C-alpha atoms as a PDB file:
ATOM      1  CA  MET A   1      24.776  -1.088  -9.037  1.00  0.00           C
ATOM      2  CA  THR A   2      23.307  -4.429 -10.037  1.00  0.00           C
ATOM      3  CA  ASP A   3      24.636  -6.690 -12.747  1.00  0.00           C
ATOM      4  CA  GLU A   4      21.936  -6.887 -15.433  1.00  0.00           C
ATOM      5  CA  THR A   5      23.395 -10.211 -16.666  1.00  0.00           C
ATOM      6  CA  ASP A   6      23.168 -11.847 -13.230  1.00  0.00           C
ATOM      7  CA  PRO A   7      20.632 -14.722 -13.455  1.00  0.00           C
ATOM      8  CA  ARG A   8      18.875 -13.697 -10.240  1.00  0.00           C
ATOM      9  CA  THR A   9      18.571 -10.091 -11.368  1.00  0.00           C
ATOM     10  CA  ILE A  10      17.116 -11.297 -14.658  1.00  0.00           C
ATOM     11  CA  LEU A  11      14.620 -13.514 -12.813  1.00  0.00           C
ATOM     12  CA  ILE A  12      13.604 -10.679 -10.490  1.00  0.00           C
ATOM     13  CA  HIS A  13      12.952  -8.372 -13.467  1.00  0.00           C
ATOM     14  CA  ILE A  14      10.867 -11.016 -15.262  1.00  0.00           C
ATOM     15  CA  ILE A  15       8.839 -11.925 -12.164  1.00  0.00           C
ATOM     16  CA  GLU A  16       8.306  -8.253 -11.382  1.00  0.00           C
ATOM     17  CA  SER A  17       6.993  -7.503 -14.870  1.00  0.00           C
ATOM     18  CA  GLU A  18       4.953 -10.707 -15.172  1.00  0.00           C
ATOM     19  CA  PRO A  19       3.948 -11.882 -11.697  1.00  0.00           C
ATOM     20  CA  GLY A  20       2.541 -15.377 -11.497  1.00  0.00           C
ATOM     21  CA  LEU A  21       4.607 -17.018 -14.212  1.00  0.00           C
ATOM     22  CA  HIS A  22       5.227 -20.724 -13.727  1.00  0.00           C
ATOM     23  CA  PHE A  23       8.532 -22.590 -13.964  1.00  0.00           C
ATOM     24  CA  ARG A  24       8.406 -23.539 -17.657  1.00  0.00           C
ATOM     25  CA  ALA A  25       7.434 -20.004 -18.680  1.00  0.00           C
ATOM     26  CA  LEU A  26      10.396 -18.671 -16.710  1.00  0.00           C
ATOM     27  CA  GLN A  27      12.619 -21.253 -18.356  1.00  0.00           C
ATOM     28  CA  ARG A  28      11.444 -20.218 -21.832  1.00  0.00           C
ATOM     29  CA  LYS A  29      11.943 -16.525 -21.069  1.00  0.00           C
ATOM     30  CA  THR A  30      15.420 -16.931 -19.570  1.00  0.00           C
ATOM     31  CA  GLY A  31      16.771 -19.802 -21.633  1.00  0.00           C
ATOM     32  CA  MET A  32      18.264 -21.259 -18.444  1.00  0.00           C
ATOM     33  CA  ALA A  33      18.771 -24.971 -17.988  1.00  0.00           C
ATOM     34  CA  VAL A  34      16.316 -26.653 -15.596  1.00  0.00           C
ATOM     35  CA  GLY A  35      18.912 -27.189 -12.845  1.00  0.00           C
ATOM     36  CA  GLN A  36      20.240 -23.650 -13.110  1.00  0.00           C
ATOM     37  CA  LEU A  37      16.746 -22.151 -12.919  1.00  0.00           C
ATOM     38  CA  GLU A  38      15.777 -24.390  -9.981  1.00  0.00           C
ATOM     39  CA  TYR A  39      18.916 -23.327  -8.130  1.00  0.00           C
ATOM     40  CA  HIS A  40      18.377 -19.590  -8.625  1.00  0.00           C
ATOM     41  CA  LEU A  41      14.670 -19.772  -7.772  1.00  0.00           C
ATOM     42  CA  TYR A  42      15.524 -21.757  -4.635  1.00  0.00           C
ATOM     43  CA  LYS A  43      18.099 -19.130  -3.597  1.00  0.00           C
ATOM     44  CA  LEU A  44      15.697 -16.240  -4.310  1.00  0.00           C
ATOM     45  CA  GLU A  45      13.015 -17.923  -2.214  1.00  0.00           C
ATOM     46  CA  LYS A  46      15.422 -18.590   0.674  1.00  0.00           C
ATOM     47  CA  GLU A  47      16.575 -14.952   0.538  1.00  0.00           C
ATOM     48  CA  ASP A  48      12.911 -13.846   0.757  1.00  0.00           C
ATOM     49  CA  GLU A  49      13.059 -12.165  -2.636  1.00  0.00           C
ATOM     50  CA  ILE A  50      10.265 -14.262  -4.163  1.00  0.00           C
ATOM     51  CA  MET A  51       7.289 -16.239  -2.953  1.00  0.00           C
ATOM     52  CA  ILE A  52       5.642 -19.277  -4.484  1.00  0.00           C
ATOM     53  CA  ARG A  53       1.925 -19.907  -4.669  1.00  0.00           C
ATOM     54  CA  LYS A  54       0.616 -23.317  -5.742  1.00  0.00           C
ATOM     55  CA  ASP A  55      -1.950 -23.364  -8.540  1.00  0.00           C
ATOM     56  CA  GLY A  56      -2.967 -26.952  -9.121  1.00  0.00           C
ATOM     57  CA  ARG A  57       0.096 -28.600 -10.592  1.00  0.00           C
ATOM     58  CA  TYR A  58       1.905 -25.303 -11.190  1.00  0.00           C
ATOM     59  CA  LYS A  59       4.002 -23.185  -8.887  1.00  0.00           C
ATOM     60  CA  ARG A  60       3.538 -19.473  -9.551  1.00  0.00           C
ATOM     61  CA  TYR A  61       6.300 -17.016  -8.699  1.00  0.00           C
ATOM     62  CA  PHE A  62       5.852 -13.511  -7.244  1.00  0.00           C
ATOM     63  CA  LEU A  63       8.164 -10.858  -5.821  1.00  0.00           C
ATOM     64  CA  ILE A  64       7.817 -10.365  -2.102  1.00  0.00           C
ATOM     65  CA  ALA A  65       9.062  -6.775  -2.310  1.00  0.00           C
ATOM     66  CA  SER A  66       6.293  -5.781  -4.685  1.00  0.00           C
ATOM     67  CA  SER A  67       4.012  -3.327  -2.943  1.00  0.00           C
ATOM     68  CA  ASP A  68       1.089  -4.060  -5.239  1.00  0.00           C
ATOM     69  CA  ASN A  69      -0.526  -7.097  -3.651  1.00  0.00           C
ATOM     70  CA  THR A  70      -3.580  -6.816  -5.917  1.00  0.00           C
ATOM     71  CA  ARG A  71      -1.317  -7.199  -8.928  1.00  0.00           C
ATOM     72  CA  LYS A  72       0.177 -10.396  -7.513  1.00  0.00           C
ATOM     73  CA  ILE A  73      -3.232 -11.830  -6.782  1.00  0.00           C
ATOM     74  CA  LEU A  74      -4.641 -10.905 -10.196  1.00  0.00           C
ATOM     75  CA  GLY A  75      -1.596 -12.408 -11.886  1.00  0.00           C
ATOM     76  CA  TYR A  76      -2.210 -15.633 -10.036  1.00  0.00           C
ATOM     77  CA  HIS A  77      -5.914 -15.788 -10.905  1.00  0.00           C
ATOM     78  CA  LEU A  78      -5.561 -14.743 -14.528  1.00  0.00           C
ATOM     79  CA  ARG A  79      -3.103 -17.563 -15.108  1.00  0.00           C
ATOM     80  CA  ASN A  80      -5.561 -20.141 -13.746  1.00  0.00           C
ATOM     81  CA  LYS A  81      -7.971 -21.202 -16.496  1.00  0.00           C
ATOM     82  CA  VAL A  82     -11.159 -21.469 -14.408  1.00  0.00           C
ATOM     83  CA  SER A  83     -10.497 -18.298 -12.402  1.00  0.00           C
ATOM     84  CA  ARG A  84      -9.588 -16.449 -15.598  1.00  0.00           C
ATOM     85  CA  ASN A  85     -12.827 -17.578 -17.245  1.00  0.00           C
ATOM     86  CA  VAL A  86     -14.868 -16.386 -14.252  1.00  0.00           C
ATOM     87  CA  ILE A  87     -13.101 -13.016 -14.301  1.00  0.00           C
ATOM     88  CA  MET A  88     -13.534 -12.621 -18.062  1.00  0.00           C
ATOM     89  CA  LEU A  89     -17.218 -13.557 -17.886  1.00  0.00           C
ATOM     90  CA  LEU A  90     -17.778 -11.018 -15.113  1.00  0.00           C
ATOM     91  CA  LEU A  91     -15.922  -8.359 -17.091  1.00  0.00           C
ATOM     92  CA  ARG A  92     -18.318  -8.939 -19.984  1.00  0.00           C
ATOM     93  CA  LYS A  93     -21.587  -9.459 -18.094  1.00  0.00           C
ATOM     94  CA  LYS A  94     -20.936  -7.324 -14.959  1.00  0.00           C
ATOM     95  CA  GLU A  95     -22.677  -9.866 -12.710  1.00  0.00           C
ATOM     96  CA  MET A  96     -23.802 -13.479 -12.861  1.00  0.00           C
ATOM     97  CA  ASN A  97     -25.341 -16.031 -10.548  1.00  0.00           C
ATOM     98  CA  LEU A  98     -23.806 -19.420  -9.758  1.00  0.00           C
ATOM     99  CA  GLU A  99     -26.179 -21.276 -12.079  1.00  0.00           C
ATOM    100  CA  THR A 100     -25.165 -19.158 -15.073  1.00  0.00           C
ATOM    101  CA  LEU A 101     -21.474 -19.496 -14.219  1.00  0.00           C
ATOM    102  CA  ASN A 102     -21.942 -23.274 -13.991  1.00  0.00           C
ATOM    103  CA  GLU A 103     -23.508 -23.299 -17.459  1.00  0.00           C
ATOM    104  CA  LYS A 104     -20.488 -21.450 -18.864  1.00  0.00           C
ATOM    105  CA  ILE A 105     -17.679 -23.199 -16.967  1.00  0.00           C
ATOM    106  CA  LYS A 106     -19.145 -26.761 -16.938  1.00  0.00           C
ATOM    107  CA  ASP A 107     -16.906 -28.080 -14.129  1.00  0.00           C
ATOM    108  CA  THR A 108     -18.787 -27.522 -10.891  1.00  0.00           C
ATOM    109  CA  GLN A 109     -15.993 -28.617  -8.542  1.00  0.00           C
ATOM    110  CA  LYS A 110     -13.310 -26.478 -10.185  1.00  0.00           C
ATOM    111  CA  LEU A 111     -15.716 -23.550 -10.403  1.00  0.00           C
ATOM    112  CA  ASN A 112     -16.629 -23.809  -6.711  1.00  0.00           C
ATOM    113  CA  ASP A 113     -12.949 -24.019  -5.764  1.00  0.00           C
ATOM    114  CA  ALA A 114     -12.115 -21.001  -7.929  1.00  0.00           C
ATOM    115  CA  ILE A 115     -15.002 -18.961  -6.515  1.00  0.00           C
ATOM    116  CA  LYS A 116     -13.893 -19.675  -2.927  1.00  0.00           C
ATOM    117  CA  VAL A 117     -10.388 -18.410  -3.643  1.00  0.00           C
ATOM    118  CA  LEU A 118     -11.584 -15.436  -5.727  1.00  0.00           C
ATOM    119  CA  LEU A 119     -13.913 -14.428  -2.865  1.00  0.00           C
ATOM    120  CA  SER A 120     -11.235 -14.867  -0.197  1.00  0.00           C
ATOM    121  CA  ASP A 121      -8.749 -12.860  -2.285  1.00  0.00           C
ATOM    122  CA  ASN A 122     -11.409 -10.139  -2.702  1.00  0.00           C
ATOM    123  CA  ILE A 123     -11.323 -10.290  -6.503  1.00  0.00           C
ATOM    124  CA  ILE A 124     -15.041 -11.003  -6.698  1.00  0.00           C
ATOM    125  CA  ILE A 125     -17.903 -10.184  -4.370  1.00  0.00           C
ATOM    126  CA  ARG A 126     -21.260 -11.839  -3.807  1.00  0.00           C
ATOM    127  CA  GLU A 127     -24.444  -9.861  -3.263  1.00  0.00           C
ATOM    128  CA  ASN A 128     -27.949 -11.337  -3.412  1.00  0.00           C
ATOM    129  CA  ASP A 129     -26.697 -14.541  -5.087  1.00  0.00           C
ATOM    130  CA  GLN A 130     -24.975 -12.480  -7.807  1.00  0.00           C
ATOM    131  CA  PHE A 131     -21.214 -12.495  -8.321  1.00  0.00           C
ATOM    132  CA  SER A 132     -19.400  -9.450  -9.657  1.00  0.00           C
ATOM    133  CA  LEU A 133     -15.859  -8.140  -9.803  1.00  0.00           C
ATOM    134  CA  ASN A 134     -14.851  -6.125  -6.773  1.00  0.00           C
ATOM    135  CA  ASN A 135     -12.828  -3.668  -8.845  1.00  0.00           C
ATOM    136  CA  PRO A 136     -13.314  -4.179 -12.608  1.00  0.00           C
ATOM    137  CA  SER A 137     -11.224  -1.134 -13.528  1.00  0.00           C
ATOM    138  CA  SER A 138      -8.136  -2.530 -11.759  1.00  0.00           C
ATOM    139  CA  VAL A 139      -8.641  -5.879 -13.527  1.00  0.00           C
ATOM    140  CA  LYS A 140      -8.860  -4.137 -16.911  1.00  0.00           C
ATOM    141  CA  GLU A 141      -5.791  -2.042 -16.115  1.00  0.00           C
ATOM    142  CA  TYR A 142      -3.810  -5.107 -15.070  1.00  0.00           C
ATOM    143  CA  ILE A 143      -4.767  -6.942 -18.256  1.00  0.00           C
ATOM    144  CA  ARG A 144      -3.792  -3.894 -20.337  1.00  0.00           C
ATOM    145  CA  LYS A 145      -0.377  -3.675 -18.674  1.00  0.00           C
ATOM    146  CA  SER A 146       0.229  -7.412 -18.854  1.00  0.00           C
ATOM    147  CA  ARG A 147      -1.339  -8.125 -22.218  1.00  0.00           C
ATOM    148  CA  LYS A 148       1.838  -9.475 -23.812  1.00  0.00           C
ATOM    149  CA  SER A 149       2.234 -12.199 -21.207  1.00  0.00           C
ATOM    150  CA  PHE A 150      -1.455 -13.064 -21.270  1.00  0.00           C
ATOM    151  CA  LEU A 151      -2.077 -12.826 -24.998  1.00  0.00           C
ATOM    152  CA  GLU A 152      -1.892 -16.537 -25.636  1.00  0.00           C
ATOM    153  CA  GLU A 153      -3.725 -17.559 -22.448  1.00  0.00           C
ATOM    154  CA  LEU A 154      -6.483 -14.981 -22.894  1.00  0.00           C
ATOM    155  CA  SER A 155      -7.008 -15.766 -26.553  1.00  0.00           C
ATOM    156  CA  ASP A 156      -7.411 -19.450 -25.667  1.00  0.00           C
ATOM    157  CA  SER A 157      -9.863 -18.502 -22.931  1.00  0.00           C
ATOM    158  CA  LEU A 158     -11.896 -16.229 -25.202  1.00  0.00           C
ATOM    159  CA  ILE A 159     -12.034 -18.858 -27.932  1.00  0.00           C
ATOM    160  CA  ASP A 160     -13.248 -21.443 -25.394  1.00  0.00           C
ATOM    161  CA  MET A 161     -15.942 -19.063 -24.152  1.00  0.00           C
ATOM    162  CA  LEU A 162     -17.123 -18.197 -27.653  1.00  0.00           C
ATOM    163  CA  ASP A 163     -17.254 -21.873 -28.622  1.00  0.00           C
ATOM    164  CA  GLU A 164     -19.526 -22.541 -25.648  1.00  0.00           C
ATOM    165  CA  GLU A 165     -22.053 -19.814 -26.549  1.00  0.00           C
END
């Protein structure tokens, strides 16, 4: 039986329910001091309980034991502003070419970087110079299940997109 008040158990539950959270989000959710959180995350990583994936200046945390790799990957991409915008645009428009995505995103380098990773992670596919989501239903399902954690980020993203139209 696990101790539900154990800091590592708490962290595992949070990371399992909201994969891809960064350090400050974990700190807000747990109320732990910076040093305490760093220590427990370090121990969980060394014990191969969690993995870290860099996202620009953020470190994103994921459970290694999670069997749903797609969920981890989507969590990572939906927490990255440019990747999230690409995914949301493709959810709305079904498919877009690079020129249209460039018009919407307006940062060619970040867009190109995001597209490379989205393609390599098999989130998007490219056919005849058109990008589309590989599995839009799984993206929608993930957003539905994770909507509480993404509410603020997605609303900011949607507002940005609507302001650009």
